[in-house]
Amino acid sequence: MEERYELRPDEAPPTTDTGLDLYGNLLRLLNWPVLQPALEQEVLDSDLLRRCFDLVKDICDIPQESSQSSVYFTVLEGLLESPRYPAAAIAFLRGSIRDRVSIMLEYYKVEGCERGLPPV
């Protein structure tokens, strides 16, 4: 973040004019370095994964199509990159993101989820 926004260590990232950055930030700051490696672990870090998916749900619940699209195309579709990801993520999916992932898994006929996710 510091490099991307040319911040000093004591500065917070900007909160305006960053709408287009959400897609890239989700990939570079959450999905690739944190979420996907956490989903690959033999023993899942439940606290980390819960916090990641809570953040994703909060972003997805913002009533802006750009926020919802960024979440879908970076984090949720990223679950299709490995057969392990959906199975590891299921326990942490809640609300709107669980519904979206269920539809996506059913649509792509992901093995074991051909009928979507079971209800919570």
PDB file of N, CA and C in Angstrom:
ATOM      1  N   MET A   1       0.825  -1.182   0.000  1.00  0.00           N
ATOM      2  CA  MET A   1       0.000   0.000   0.000  1.00  0.00           C
ATOM      3  C   MET A   1       0.872   1.249   0.000  1.00  0.00           C
ATOM      4  N   GLU A   2       1.930   1.221   0.798  1.00  0.00           N
ATOM      5  CA  GLU A   2       2.779   2.399   0.885  1.00  0.00           C
ATOM      6  C   GLU A   2       3.341   2.767  -0.495  1.00  0.00           C
ATOM      7  N   GLU A   3       3.810   1.755  -1.224  1.00  0.00           N
ATOM      8  CA  GLU A   3       4.385   2.015  -2.543  1.00  0.00           C
ATOM      9  C   GLU A   3       3.307   2.444  -3.530  1.00  0.00           C
ATOM     10  N   ARG A   4       2.189   1.733  -3.516  1.00  0.00           N
ATOM     11  CA  ARG A   4       1.120   2.008  -4.483  1.00  0.00           C
ATOM     12  C   ARG A   4       0.619   3.442  -4.382  1.00  0.00           C
ATOM     13  N   TYR A   5       0.445   3.928  -3.154  1.00  0.00           N
ATOM     14  CA  TYR A   5      -0.104   5.263  -2.946  1.00  0.00           C
ATOM     15  C   TYR A   5       0.941   6.281  -2.516  1.00  0.00           C
ATOM     16  N   GLU A   6       2.231   5.892  -2.555  1.00  0.00           N
ATOM     17  CA  GLU A   6       3.338   6.768  -2.183  1.00  0.00           C
ATOM     18  C   GLU A   6       3.106   7.370  -0.794  1.00  0.00           C
ATOM     19  N   LEU A   7       2.877   6.494   0.171  1.00  0.00           N
ATOM     20  CA  LEU A   7       2.580   6.912   1.539  1.00  0.00           C
ATOM     21  C   LEU A   7       3.813   6.854   2.417  1.00  0.00           C
ATOM     22  N   ARG A   8       3.863   7.743   3.385  1.00  0.00           N
ATOM     23  CA  ARG A   8       4.854   7.631   4.445  1.00  0.00           C
ATOM     24  C   ARG A   8       4.331   6.579   5.423  1.00  0.00           C
ATOM     25  N   PRO A   9       5.182   5.994   6.238  1.00  0.00           N
ATOM     26  CA  PRO A   9       4.736   4.952   7.178  1.00  0.00           C
ATOM     27  C   PRO A   9       3.628   5.399   8.121  1.00  0.00           C
ATOM     28  N   ASP A  10       3.528   6.684   8.407  1.00  0.00           N
ATOM     29  CA  ASP A  10       2.510   7.168   9.352  1.00  0.00           C
ATOM     30  C   ASP A  10       1.221   7.624   8.663  1.00  0.00           C
ATOM     31  N   GLU A  11       1.116   7.460   7.338  1.00  0.00           N
ATOM     32  CA  GLU A  11      -0.060   7.908   6.599  1.00  0.00           C
ATOM     33  C   GLU A  11      -1.026   6.753   6.326  1.00  0.00           C
ATOM     34  N   ALA A  12      -2.312   7.073   6.334  1.00  0.00           N
ATOM     35  CA  ALA A  12      -3.352   6.101   5.981  1.00  0.00           C
ATOM     36  C   ALA A  12      -3.597   6.167   4.478  1.00  0.00           C
ATOM     37  N   PRO A  13      -4.030   5.063   3.877  1.00  0.00           N
ATOM     38  CA  PRO A  13      -4.329   5.095   2.447  1.00  0.00           C
ATOM     39  C   PRO A  13      -5.501   6.031   2.152  1.00  0.00           C
ATOM     40  N   PRO A  14      -5.591   6.517   0.923  1.00  0.00           N
ATOM     41  CA  PRO A  14      -6.691   7.409   0.562  1.00  0.00           C
ATOM     42  C   PRO A  14      -8.035   6.678   0.615  1.00  0.00           C
ATOM     43  N   THR A  15      -9.083   7.439   0.826  1.00  0.00           N
ATOM     44  CA  THR A  15     -10.429   6.853   0.875  1.00  0.00           C
ATOM     45  C   THR A  15     -11.313   7.370  -0.253  1.00  0.00           C
ATOM     46  N   THR A  16     -10.800   8.265  -1.076  1.00  0.00           N
ATOM     47  CA  THR A  16     -11.571   8.774  -2.215  1.00  0.00           C
ATOM     48  C   THR A  16     -10.782   8.518  -3.492  1.00  0.00           C
ATOM     49  N   ASP A  17     -11.499   8.489  -4.590  1.00  0.00           N
ATOM     50  CA  ASP A  17     -10.896   8.278  -5.910  1.00  0.00           C
ATOM     51  C   ASP A  17     -10.079   6.990  -5.985  1.00  0.00           C
ATOM     52  N   THR A  18     -10.543   5.968  -5.309  1.00  0.00           N
ATOM     53  CA  THR A  18      -9.826   4.686  -5.337  1.00  0.00           C
ATOM     54  C   THR A  18     -10.724   3.549  -5.812  1.00  0.00           C
ATOM     55  N   GLY A  19     -11.887   3.871  -6.346  1.00  0.00           N
ATOM     56  CA  GLY A  19     -12.842   2.845  -6.758  1.00  0.00           C
ATOM     57  C   GLY A  19     -12.259   1.821  -7.714  1.00  0.00           C
ATOM     58  N   LEU A  20     -11.474   2.270  -8.665  1.00  0.00           N
ATOM     59  CA  LEU A  20     -10.889   1.347  -9.632  1.00  0.00           C
ATOM     60  C   LEU A  20      -9.754   0.528  -9.026  1.00  0.00           C
ATOM     61  N   ASP A  21      -9.250   0.944  -7.881  1.00  0.00           N
ATOM     62  CA  ASP A  21      -8.153   0.233  -7.237  1.00  0.00           C
ATOM     63  C   ASP A  21      -8.619  -1.024  -6.504  1.00  0.00           C
ATOM     64  N   LEU A  22      -9.904  -1.137  -6.196  1.00  0.00           N
ATOM     65  CA  LEU A  22     -10.390  -2.254  -5.390  1.00  0.00           C
ATOM     66  C   LEU A  22     -10.053  -3.597  -6.037  1.00  0.00           C
ATOM     67  N   TYR A  23     -10.269  -3.722  -7.325  1.00  0.00           N
ATOM     68  CA  TYR A  23      -9.984  -4.966  -8.038  1.00  0.00           C
ATOM     69  C   TYR A  23      -8.520  -5.377  -7.841  1.00  0.00           C
ATOM     70  N   GLY A  24      -7.608  -4.478  -8.124  1.00  0.00           N
ATOM     71  CA  GLY A  24      -6.185  -4.768  -7.988  1.00  0.00           C
ATOM     72  C   GLY A  24      -5.771  -4.991  -6.547  1.00  0.00           C
ATOM     73  N   ASN A  25      -6.336  -4.206  -5.641  1.00  0.00           N
ATOM     74  CA  ASN A  25      -5.996  -4.370  -4.227  1.00  0.00           C
ATOM     75  C   ASN A  25      -6.468  -5.711  -3.686  1.00  0.00           C
ATOM     76  N   LEU A  26      -7.654  -6.140  -4.077  1.00  0.00           N
ATOM     77  CA  LEU A  26      -8.135  -7.446  -3.620  1.00  0.00           C
ATOM     78  C   LEU A  26      -7.212  -8.568  -4.098  1.00  0.00           C
ATOM     79  N   LEU A  27      -6.749  -8.466  -5.337  1.00  0.00           N
ATOM     80  CA  LEU A  27      -5.842  -9.496  -5.861  1.00  0.00           C
ATOM     81  C   LEU A  27      -4.483  -9.447  -5.180  1.00  0.00           C
ATOM     82  N   ARG A  28      -3.858  -8.256  -5.179  1.00  0.00           N
ATOM     83  CA  ARG A  28      -2.473  -8.119  -4.724  1.00  0.00           C
ATOM     84  C   ARG A  28      -2.308  -8.082  -3.211  1.00  0.00           C
ATOM     85  N   LEU A  29      -3.344  -7.661  -2.480  1.00  0.00           N
ATOM     86  CA  LEU A  29      -3.196  -7.508  -1.040  1.00  0.00           C
ATOM     87  C   LEU A  29      -3.959  -8.553  -0.227  1.00  0.00           C
ATOM     88  N   LEU A  30      -4.950  -9.188  -0.829  1.00  0.00           N
ATOM     89  CA  LEU A  30      -5.733 -10.177  -0.085  1.00  0.00           C
ATOM     90  C   LEU A  30      -5.663 -11.556  -0.725  1.00  0.00           C
ATOM     91  N   ASN A  31      -6.114 -11.672  -1.946  1.00  0.00           N
ATOM     92  CA  ASN A  31      -6.284 -12.989  -2.554  1.00  0.00           C
ATOM     93  C   ASN A  31      -4.968 -13.752  -2.731  1.00  0.00           C
ATOM     94  N   TRP A  32      -4.032 -13.177  -3.467  1.00  0.00           N
ATOM     95  CA  TRP A  32      -2.791 -13.899  -3.758  1.00  0.00           C
ATOM     96  C   TRP A  32      -1.886 -14.089  -2.540  1.00  0.00           C
ATOM     97  N   PRO A  33      -1.637 -13.046  -1.740  1.00  0.00           N
ATOM     98  CA  PRO A  33      -0.672 -13.250  -0.653  1.00  0.00           C
ATOM     99  C   PRO A  33      -1.256 -13.832   0.635  1.00  0.00           C
ATOM    100  N   VAL A  34      -2.567 -13.722   0.847  1.00  0.00           N
ATOM    101  CA  VAL A  34      -3.136 -14.127   2.140  1.00  0.00           C
ATOM    102  C   VAL A  34      -4.156 -15.255   1.987  1.00  0.00           C
ATOM    103  N   LEU A  35      -5.215 -15.000   1.241  1.00  0.00           N
ATOM    104  CA  LEU A  35      -6.341 -15.935   1.204  1.00  0.00           C
ATOM    105  C   LEU A  35      -5.989 -17.267   0.543  1.00  0.00           C
ATOM    106  N   GLN A  36      -5.475 -17.243  -0.668  1.00  0.00           N
ATOM    107  CA  GLN A  36      -5.183 -18.496  -1.350  1.00  0.00           C
ATOM    108  C   GLN A  36      -4.135 -19.331  -0.606  1.00  0.00           C
ATOM    109  N   PRO A  37      -3.027 -18.748  -0.121  1.00  0.00           N
ATOM    110  CA  PRO A  37      -2.099 -19.561   0.671  1.00  0.00           C
ATOM    111  C   PRO A  37      -2.750 -20.144   1.926  1.00  0.00           C
ATOM    112  N   ALA A  38      -3.642 -19.386   2.565  1.00  0.00           N
ATOM    113  CA  ALA A  38      -4.323 -19.892   3.761  1.00  0.00           C
ATOM    114  C   ALA A  38      -5.233 -21.072   3.423  1.00  0.00           C
ATOM    115  N   LEU A  39      -5.862 -21.035   2.246  1.00  0.00           N
ATOM    116  CA  LEU A  39      -6.741 -22.131   1.827  1.00  0.00           C
ATOM    117  C   LEU A  39      -5.957 -23.391   1.445  1.00  0.00           C
ATOM    118  N   GLU A  40      -4.671 -23.252   1.178  1.00  0.00           N
ATOM    119  CA  GLU A  40      -3.833 -24.394   0.786  1.00  0.00           C
ATOM    120  C   GLU A  40      -3.218 -25.132   1.970  1.00  0.00           C
ATOM    121  N   GLN A  41      -3.316 -24.576   3.150  1.00  0.00           N
ATOM    122  CA  GLN A  41      -2.677 -25.177   4.319  1.00  0.00           C
ATOM    123  C   GLN A  41      -3.331 -26.499   4.716  1.00  0.00           C
ATOM    124  N   GLU A  42      -2.510 -27.421   5.212  1.00  0.00           N
ATOM    125  CA  GLU A  42      -3.032 -28.694   5.734  1.00  0.00           C
ATOM    126  C   GLU A  42      -3.991 -28.442   6.889  1.00  0.00           C
ATOM    127  N   VAL A  43      -3.570 -27.589   7.817  1.00  0.00           N
ATOM    128  CA  VAL A  43      -4.406 -27.200   8.952  1.00  0.00           C
ATOM    129  C   VAL A  43      -4.826 -25.758   8.712  1.00  0.00           C
ATOM    130  N   LEU A  44      -6.129 -25.551   8.521  1.00  0.00           N
ATOM    131  CA  LEU A  44      -6.635 -24.226   8.195  1.00  0.00           C
ATOM    132  C   LEU A  44      -6.589 -23.301   9.414  1.00  0.00           C
ATOM    133  N   ASP A  45      -6.206 -22.069   9.188  1.00  0.00           N
ATOM    134  CA  ASP A  45      -6.217 -21.040  10.226  1.00  0.00           C
ATOM    135  C   ASP A  45      -7.629 -20.441  10.224  1.00  0.00           C
ATOM    136  N   SER A  46      -8.490 -20.992  11.044  1.00  0.00           N
ATOM    137  CA  SER A  46      -9.906 -20.612  11.055  1.00  0.00           C
ATOM    138  C   SER A  46     -10.107 -19.125  11.319  1.00  0.00           C
ATOM    139  N   ASP A  47      -9.329 -18.573  12.231  1.00  0.00           N
ATOM    140  CA  ASP A  47      -9.489 -17.158  12.552  1.00  0.00           C
ATOM    141  C   ASP A  47      -9.135 -16.288  11.352  1.00  0.00           C
ATOM    142  N   LEU A  48      -8.024 -16.582  10.701  1.00  0.00           N
ATOM    143  CA  LEU A  48      -7.609 -15.812   9.528  1.00  0.00           C
ATOM    144  C   LEU A  48      -8.640 -15.926   8.414  1.00  0.00           C
ATOM    145  N   LEU A  49      -9.076 -17.137   8.120  1.00  0.00           N
ATOM    146  CA  LEU A  49     -10.037 -17.328   7.034  1.00  0.00           C
ATOM    147  C   LEU A  49     -11.379 -16.674   7.350  1.00  0.00           C
ATOM    148  N   ARG A  50     -11.820 -16.749   8.583  1.00  0.00           N
ATOM    149  CA  ARG A  50     -13.072 -16.093   8.966  1.00  0.00           C
ATOM    150  C   ARG A  50     -12.957 -14.585   8.745  1.00  0.00           C
ATOM    151  N   ARG A  51     -11.826 -13.998   9.174  1.00  0.00           N
ATOM    152  CA  ARG A  51     -11.627 -12.552   8.998  1.00  0.00           C
ATOM    153  C   ARG A  51     -11.560 -12.175   7.519  1.00  0.00           C
ATOM    154  N   CYS A  52     -10.879 -12.988   6.720  1.00  0.00           N
ATOM    155  CA  CYS A  52     -10.793 -12.709   5.277  1.00  0.00           C
ATOM    156  C   CYS A  52     -12.181 -12.721   4.645  1.00  0.00           C
ATOM    157  N   PHE A  53     -12.942 -13.771   4.913  1.00  0.00           N
ATOM    158  CA  PHE A  53     -14.260 -13.874   4.288  1.00  0.00           C
ATOM    159  C   PHE A  53     -15.265 -12.888   4.879  1.00  0.00           C
ATOM    160  N   ASP A  54     -15.093 -12.485   6.136  1.00  0.00           N
ATOM    161  CA  ASP A  54     -15.937 -11.411   6.688  1.00  0.00           C
ATOM    162  C   ASP A  54     -15.669 -10.102   5.952  1.00  0.00           C
ATOM    163  N   LEU A  55     -14.394  -9.816   5.684  1.00  0.00           N
ATOM    164  CA  LEU A  55     -14.037  -8.617   4.927  1.00  0.00           C
ATOM    165  C   LEU A  55     -14.634  -8.677   3.525  1.00  0.00           C
ATOM    166  N   VAL A  56     -14.489  -9.813   2.877  1.00  0.00           N
ATOM    167  CA  VAL A  56     -15.024  -9.982   1.528  1.00  0.00           C
ATOM    168  C   VAL A  56     -16.544  -9.787   1.528  1.00  0.00           C
ATOM    169  N   LYS A  57     -17.219 -10.359   2.519  1.00  0.00           N
ATOM    170  CA  LYS A  57     -18.677 -10.194   2.624  1.00  0.00           C
ATOM    171  C   LYS A  57     -19.039  -8.732   2.827  1.00  0.00           C
ATOM    172  N   ASP A  58     -18.310  -8.043   3.699  1.00  0.00           N
ATOM    173  CA  ASP A  58     -18.590  -6.627   3.940  1.00  0.00           C
ATOM    174  C   ASP A  58     -18.426  -5.803   2.661  1.00  0.00           C
ATOM    175  N   ILE A  59     -17.395  -6.081   1.888  1.00  0.00           N
ATOM    176  CA  ILE A  59     -17.188  -5.357   0.629  1.00  0.00           C
ATOM    177  C   ILE A  59     -18.301  -5.705  -0.355  1.00  0.00           C
ATOM    178  N   CYS A  60     -18.656  -6.970  -0.422  1.00  0.00           N
ATOM    179  CA  CYS A  60     -19.695  -7.417  -1.346  1.00  0.00           C
ATOM    180  C   CYS A  60     -21.055  -6.821  -0.985  1.00  0.00           C
ATOM    181  N   ASP A  61     -21.278  -6.543   0.285  1.00  0.00           N
ATOM    182  CA  ASP A  61     -22.553  -5.982   0.730  1.00  0.00           C
ATOM    183  C   ASP A  61     -22.661  -4.477   0.504  1.00  0.00           C
ATOM    184  N   ILE A  62     -21.599  -3.840   0.024  1.00  0.00           N
ATOM    185  CA  ILE A  62     -21.674  -2.418  -0.332  1.00  0.00           C
ATOM    186  C   ILE A  62     -22.585  -2.316  -1.557  1.00  0.00           C
ATOM    187  N   PRO A  63     -23.580  -1.457  -1.500  1.00  0.00           N
ATOM    188  CA  PRO A  63     -24.535  -1.406  -2.613  1.00  0.00           C
ATOM    189  C   PRO A  63     -24.010  -0.670  -3.851  1.00  0.00           C
ATOM    190  N   GLN A  64     -22.856  -1.094  -4.321  1.00  0.00           N
ATOM    191  CA  GLN A  64     -22.286  -0.556  -5.560  1.00  0.00           C
ATOM    192  C   GLN A  64     -21.899  -1.737  -6.426  1.00  0.00           C
ATOM    193  N   GLU A  65     -22.321  -1.728  -7.645  1.00  0.00           N
ATOM    194  CA  GLU A  65     -22.028  -2.837  -8.543  1.00  0.00           C
ATOM    195  C   GLU A  65     -20.524  -3.021  -8.729  1.00  0.00           C
ATOM    196  N   SER A  66     -19.765  -1.920  -8.718  1.00  0.00           N
ATOM    197  CA  SER A  66     -18.317  -2.044  -8.919  1.00  0.00           C
ATOM    198  C   SER A  66     -17.669  -2.812  -7.770  1.00  0.00           C
ATOM    199  N   SER A  67     -18.127  -2.601  -6.541  1.00  0.00           N
ATOM    200  CA  SER A  67     -17.578  -3.333  -5.397  1.00  0.00           C
ATOM    201  C   SER A  67     -17.936  -4.805  -5.491  1.00  0.00           C
ATOM    202  N   GLN A  68     -19.186  -5.093  -5.798  1.00  0.00           N
ATOM    203  CA  GLN A  68     -19.644  -6.477  -5.905  1.00  0.00           C
ATOM    204  C   GLN A  68     -18.933  -7.209  -7.050  1.00  0.00           C
ATOM    205  N   SER A  69     -18.741  -6.526  -8.175  1.00  0.00           N
ATOM    206  CA  SER A  69     -18.037  -7.139  -9.307  1.00  0.00           C
ATOM    207  C   SER A  69     -16.576  -7.407  -8.967  1.00  0.00           C
ATOM    208  N   SER A  70     -15.946  -6.468  -8.282  1.00  0.00           N
ATOM    209  CA  SER A  70     -14.544  -6.668  -7.895  1.00  0.00           C
ATOM    210  C   SER A  70     -14.394  -7.895  -7.015  1.00  0.00           C
ATOM    211  N   VAL A  71     -15.285  -8.057  -6.037  1.00  0.00           N
ATOM    212  CA  VAL A  71     -15.242  -9.234  -5.163  1.00  0.00           C
ATOM    213  C   VAL A  71     -15.461 -10.503  -5.976  1.00  0.00           C
ATOM    214  N   TYR A  72     -16.454 -10.486  -6.843  1.00  0.00           N
ATOM    215  CA  TYR A  72     -16.778 -11.689  -7.617  1.00  0.00           C
ATOM    216  C   TYR A  72     -15.608 -12.108  -8.504  1.00  0.00           C
ATOM    217  N   PHE A  73     -15.065 -11.174  -9.260  1.00  0.00           N
ATOM    218  CA  PHE A  73     -14.048 -11.530 -10.250  1.00  0.00           C
ATOM    219  C   PHE A  73     -12.652 -11.720  -9.673  1.00  0.00           C
ATOM    220  N   THR A  74     -12.415 -11.304  -8.444  1.00  0.00           N
ATOM    221  CA  THR A  74     -11.090 -11.508  -7.852  1.00  0.00           C
ATOM    222  C   THR A  74     -11.114 -12.632  -6.825  1.00  0.00           C
ATOM    223  N   VAL A  75     -11.921 -12.485  -5.807  1.00  0.00           N
ATOM    224  CA  VAL A  75     -11.900 -13.438  -4.694  1.00  0.00           C
ATOM    225  C   VAL A  75     -12.759 -14.662  -4.980  1.00  0.00           C
ATOM    226  N   LEU A  76     -14.018 -14.454  -5.335  1.00  0.00           N
ATOM    227  CA  LEU A  76     -14.922 -15.594  -5.476  1.00  0.00           C
ATOM    228  C   LEU A  76     -14.546 -16.481  -6.661  1.00  0.00           C
ATOM    229  N   GLU A  77     -14.299 -15.887  -7.827  1.00  0.00           N
ATOM    230  CA  GLU A  77     -13.860 -16.711  -8.954  1.00  0.00           C
ATOM    231  C   GLU A  77     -12.470 -17.287  -8.710  1.00  0.00           C
ATOM    232  N   GLY A  78     -11.684 -16.649  -7.863  1.00  0.00           N
ATOM    233  CA  GLY A  78     -10.375 -17.183  -7.493  1.00  0.00           C
ATOM    234  C   GLY A  78     -10.485 -18.528  -6.792  1.00  0.00           C
ATOM    235  N   LEU A  79     -11.645 -18.806  -6.206  1.00  0.00           N
ATOM    236  CA  LEU A  79     -11.854 -20.106  -5.559  1.00  0.00           C
ATOM    237  C   LEU A  79     -11.854 -21.256  -6.569  1.00  0.00           C
ATOM    238  N   LEU A  80     -12.019 -20.932  -7.848  1.00  0.00           N
ATOM    239  CA  LEU A  80     -12.013 -21.969  -8.890  1.00  0.00           C
ATOM    240  C   LEU A  80     -10.602 -22.352  -9.331  1.00  0.00           C
ATOM    241  N   GLU A  81      -9.596 -21.645  -8.847  1.00  0.00           N
ATOM    242  CA  GLU A  81      -8.227 -21.880  -9.300  1.00  0.00           C
ATOM    243  C   GLU A  81      -7.610 -23.164  -8.764  1.00  0.00           C
ATOM    244  N   SER A  82      -8.184 -23.742  -7.742  1.00  0.00           N
ATOM    245  CA  SER A  82      -7.674 -24.999  -7.189  1.00  0.00           C
ATOM    246  C   SER A  82      -8.851 -25.809  -6.663  1.00  0.00           C
ATOM    247  N   PRO A  83      -8.839 -27.120  -6.879  1.00  0.00           N
ATOM    248  CA  PRO A  83      -9.926 -27.947  -6.350  1.00  0.00           C
ATOM    249  C   PRO A  83     -10.014 -27.885  -4.821  1.00  0.00           C
ATOM    250  N   ARG A  84      -8.927 -27.541  -4.173  1.00  0.00           N
ATOM    251  CA  ARG A  84      -8.909 -27.471  -2.710  1.00  0.00           C
ATOM    252  C   ARG A  84      -9.615 -26.226  -2.172  1.00  0.00           C
ATOM    253  N   TYR A  85      -9.584 -25.133  -2.921  1.00  0.00           N
ATOM    254  CA  TYR A  85     -10.113 -23.870  -2.414  1.00  0.00           C
ATOM    255  C   TYR A  85     -11.594 -23.919  -2.021  1.00  0.00           C
ATOM    256  N   PRO A  86     -12.497 -24.396  -2.882  1.00  0.00           N
ATOM    257  CA  PRO A  86     -13.913 -24.386  -2.475  1.00  0.00           C
ATOM    258  C   PRO A  86     -14.169 -25.214  -1.213  1.00  0.00           C
ATOM    259  N   ALA A  87     -13.586 -26.395  -1.155  1.00  0.00           N
ATOM    260  CA  ALA A  87     -13.809 -27.252   0.016  1.00  0.00           C
ATOM    261  C   ALA A  87     -13.287 -26.599   1.289  1.00  0.00           C
ATOM    262  N   ALA A  88     -12.142 -25.936   1.198  1.00  0.00           N
ATOM    263  CA  ALA A  88     -11.563 -25.284   2.375  1.00  0.00           C
ATOM    264  C   ALA A  88     -12.348 -24.035   2.768  1.00  0.00           C
ATOM    265  N   ALA A  89     -12.970 -23.381   1.799  1.00  0.00           N
ATOM    266  CA  ALA A  89     -13.658 -22.116   2.058  1.00  0.00           C
ATOM    267  C   ALA A  89     -15.088 -22.278   2.571  1.00  0.00           C
ATOM    268  N   ILE A  90     -15.715 -23.393   2.283  1.00  0.00           N
ATOM    269  CA  ILE A  90     -17.151 -23.553   2.556  1.00  0.00           C
ATOM    270  C   ILE A  90     -17.541 -23.153   3.970  1.00  0.00           C
ATOM    271  N   ALA A  91     -16.799 -23.572   4.960  1.00  0.00           N
ATOM    272  CA  ALA A  91     -17.167 -23.298   6.352  1.00  0.00           C
ATOM    273  C   ALA A  91     -17.140 -21.806   6.695  1.00  0.00           C
ATOM    274  N   PHE A  92     -16.481 -20.989   5.874  1.00  0.00           N
ATOM    275  CA  PHE A  92     -16.307 -19.578   6.187  1.00  0.00           C
ATOM    276  C   PHE A  92     -17.190 -18.664   5.338  1.00  0.00           C
ATOM    277  N   LEU A  93     -17.946 -19.247   4.435  1.00  0.00           N
ATOM    278  CA  LEU A  93     -18.799 -18.466   3.549  1.00  0.00           C
ATOM    279  C   LEU A  93     -20.135 -18.204   4.224  1.00  0.00           C
ATOM    280  N   ARG A  94     -20.523 -16.941   4.276  1.00  0.00           N
ATOM    281  CA  ARG A  94     -21.767 -16.536   4.926  1.00  0.00           C
ATOM    282  C   ARG A  94     -22.527 -15.544   4.040  1.00  0.00           C
ATOM    283  N   GLY A  95     -23.825 -15.525   4.210  1.00  0.00           N
ATOM    284  CA  GLY A  95     -24.671 -14.516   3.581  1.00  0.00           C
ATOM    285  C   GLY A  95     -24.535 -14.433   2.077  1.00  0.00           C
ATOM    286  N   SER A  96     -24.396 -13.215   1.587  1.00  0.00           N
ATOM    287  CA  SER A  96     -24.403 -12.963   0.147  1.00  0.00           C
ATOM    288  C   SER A  96     -23.265 -13.666  -0.589  1.00  0.00           C
ATOM    289  N   ILE A  97     -22.091 -13.767   0.038  1.00  0.00           N
ATOM    290  CA  ILE A  97     -21.001 -14.427  -0.691  1.00  0.00           C
ATOM    291  C   ILE A  97     -21.221 -15.936  -0.755  1.00  0.00           C
ATOM    292  N   ARG A  98     -21.846 -16.514   0.253  1.00  0.00           N
ATOM    293  CA  ARG A  98     -22.147 -17.944   0.197  1.00  0.00           C
ATOM    294  C   ARG A  98     -23.121 -18.219  -0.952  1.00  0.00           C
ATOM    295  N   ASP A  99     -24.132 -17.366  -1.074  1.00  0.00           N
ATOM    296  CA  ASP A  99     -25.105 -17.529  -2.155  1.00  0.00           C
ATOM    297  C   ASP A  99     -24.430 -17.417  -3.523  1.00  0.00           C
ATOM    298  N   ARG A 100     -23.572 -16.425  -3.675  1.00  0.00           N
ATOM    299  CA  ARG A 100     -22.885 -16.229  -4.961  1.00  0.00           C
ATOM    300  C   ARG A 100     -21.954 -17.398  -5.284  1.00  0.00           C
ATOM    301  N   VAL A 101     -21.222 -17.864  -4.283  1.00  0.00           N
ATOM    302  CA  VAL A 101     -20.307 -18.989  -4.508  1.00  0.00           C
ATOM    303  C   VAL A 101     -21.108 -20.248  -4.834  1.00  0.00           C
ATOM    304  N   SER A 102     -22.216 -20.455  -4.164  1.00  0.00           N
ATOM    305  CA  SER A 102     -23.048 -21.623  -4.432  1.00  0.00           C
ATOM    306  C   SER A 102     -23.505 -21.646  -5.890  1.00  0.00           C
ATOM    307  N   ILE A 103     -24.003 -20.521  -6.367  1.00  0.00           N
ATOM    308  CA  ILE A 103     -24.449 -20.418  -7.762  1.00  0.00           C
ATOM    309  C   ILE A 103     -23.278 -20.645  -8.712  1.00  0.00           C
ATOM    310  N   MET A 104     -22.122 -20.064  -8.400  1.00  0.00           N
ATOM    311  CA  MET A 104     -20.939 -20.198  -9.253  1.00  0.00           C
ATOM    312  C   MET A 104     -20.475 -21.653  -9.324  1.00  0.00           C
ATOM    313  N   LEU A 105     -20.406 -22.335  -8.178  1.00  0.00           N
ATOM    314  CA  LEU A 105     -19.963 -23.727  -8.158  1.00  0.00           C
ATOM    315  C   LEU A 105     -20.925 -24.628  -8.922  1.00  0.00           C
ATOM    316  N   GLU A 106     -22.199 -24.359  -8.778  1.00  0.00           N
ATOM    317  CA  GLU A 106     -23.203 -25.134  -9.522  1.00  0.00           C
ATOM    318  C   GLU A 106     -23.064 -24.868 -11.021  1.00  0.00           C
ATOM    319  N   TYR A 107     -22.923 -23.617 -11.405  1.00  0.00           N
ATOM    320  CA  TYR A 107     -22.803 -23.241 -12.818  1.00  0.00           C
ATOM    321  C   TYR A 107     -21.592 -23.913 -13.471  1.00  0.00           C
ATOM    322  N   TYR A 108     -20.458 -23.894 -12.776  1.00  0.00           N
ATOM    323  CA  TYR A 108     -19.234 -24.475 -13.334  1.00  0.00           C
ATOM    324  C   TYR A 108     -19.117 -25.972 -13.060  1.00  0.00           C
ATOM    325  N   LYS A 109     -20.141 -26.541 -12.443  1.00  0.00           N
ATOM    326  CA  LYS A 109     -20.184 -27.978 -12.162  1.00  0.00           C
ATOM    327  C   LYS A 109     -18.925 -28.468 -11.448  1.00  0.00           C
ATOM    328  N   VAL A 110     -18.557 -27.745 -10.397  1.00  0.00           N
ATOM    329  CA  VAL A 110     -17.392 -28.111  -9.596  1.00  0.00           C
ATOM    330  C   VAL A 110     -17.707 -29.409  -8.869  1.00  0.00           C
ATOM    331  N   GLU A 111     -16.799 -30.363  -8.992  1.00  0.00           N
ATOM    332  CA  GLU A 111     -17.009 -31.689  -8.414  1.00  0.00           C
ATOM    333  C   GLU A 111     -17.364 -31.597  -6.925  1.00  0.00           C
ATOM    334  N   GLY A 112     -18.443 -32.259  -6.568  1.00  0.00           N
ATOM    335  CA  GLY A 112     -18.918 -32.249  -5.189  1.00  0.00           C
ATOM    336  C   GLY A 112     -19.871 -31.100  -4.884  1.00  0.00           C
ATOM    337  N   CYS A 113     -19.961 -30.153  -5.800  1.00  0.00           N
ATOM    338  CA  CYS A 113     -20.844 -28.989  -5.586  1.00  0.00           C
ATOM    339  C   CYS A 113     -21.757 -28.763  -6.786  1.00  0.00           C
ATOM    340  N   GLU A 114     -22.063 -29.823  -7.530  1.00  0.00           N
ATOM    341  CA  GLU A 114     -22.859 -29.701  -8.747  1.00  0.00           C
ATOM    342  C   GLU A 114     -24.254 -29.118  -8.473  1.00  0.00           C
ATOM    343  N   ARG A 115     -24.708 -29.226  -7.257  1.00  0.00           N
ATOM    344  CA  ARG A 115     -26.018 -28.667  -6.871  1.00  0.00           C
ATOM    345  C   ARG A 115     -25.867 -27.471  -5.948  1.00  0.00           C
ATOM    346  N   GLY A 116     -24.708 -26.850  -5.978  1.00  0.00           N
ATOM    347  CA  GLY A 116     -24.451 -25.708  -5.109  1.00  0.00           C
ATOM    348  C   GLY A 116     -24.049 -26.159  -3.714  1.00  0.00           C
ATOM    349  N   LEU A 117     -24.032 -25.216  -2.811  1.00  0.00           N
ATOM    350  CA  LEU A 117     -23.631 -25.496  -1.428  1.00  0.00           C
ATOM    351  C   LEU A 117     -24.849 -25.852  -0.589  1.00  0.00           C
ATOM    352  N   PRO A 118     -24.659 -26.711   0.395  1.00  0.00           N
ATOM    353  CA  PRO A 118     -25.772 -27.010   1.295  1.00  0.00           C
ATOM    354  C   PRO A 118     -26.097 -25.785   2.148  1.00  0.00           C
ATOM    355  N   PRO A 119     -27.344 -25.680   2.603  1.00  0.00           N
ATOM    356  CA  PRO A 119     -27.684 -24.545   3.474  1.00  0.00           C
ATOM    357  C   PRO A 119     -26.869 -24.594   4.770  1.00  0.00           C
ATOM    358  N   VAL A 120     -26.678 -23.419   5.361  1.00  0.00           N
ATOM    359  CA  VAL A 120     -25.919 -23.332   6.614  1.00  0.00           C
ATOM    360  C   VAL A 120     -26.786 -23.847   7.742  1.00  0.00           C
TER     361      VAL A 120
END
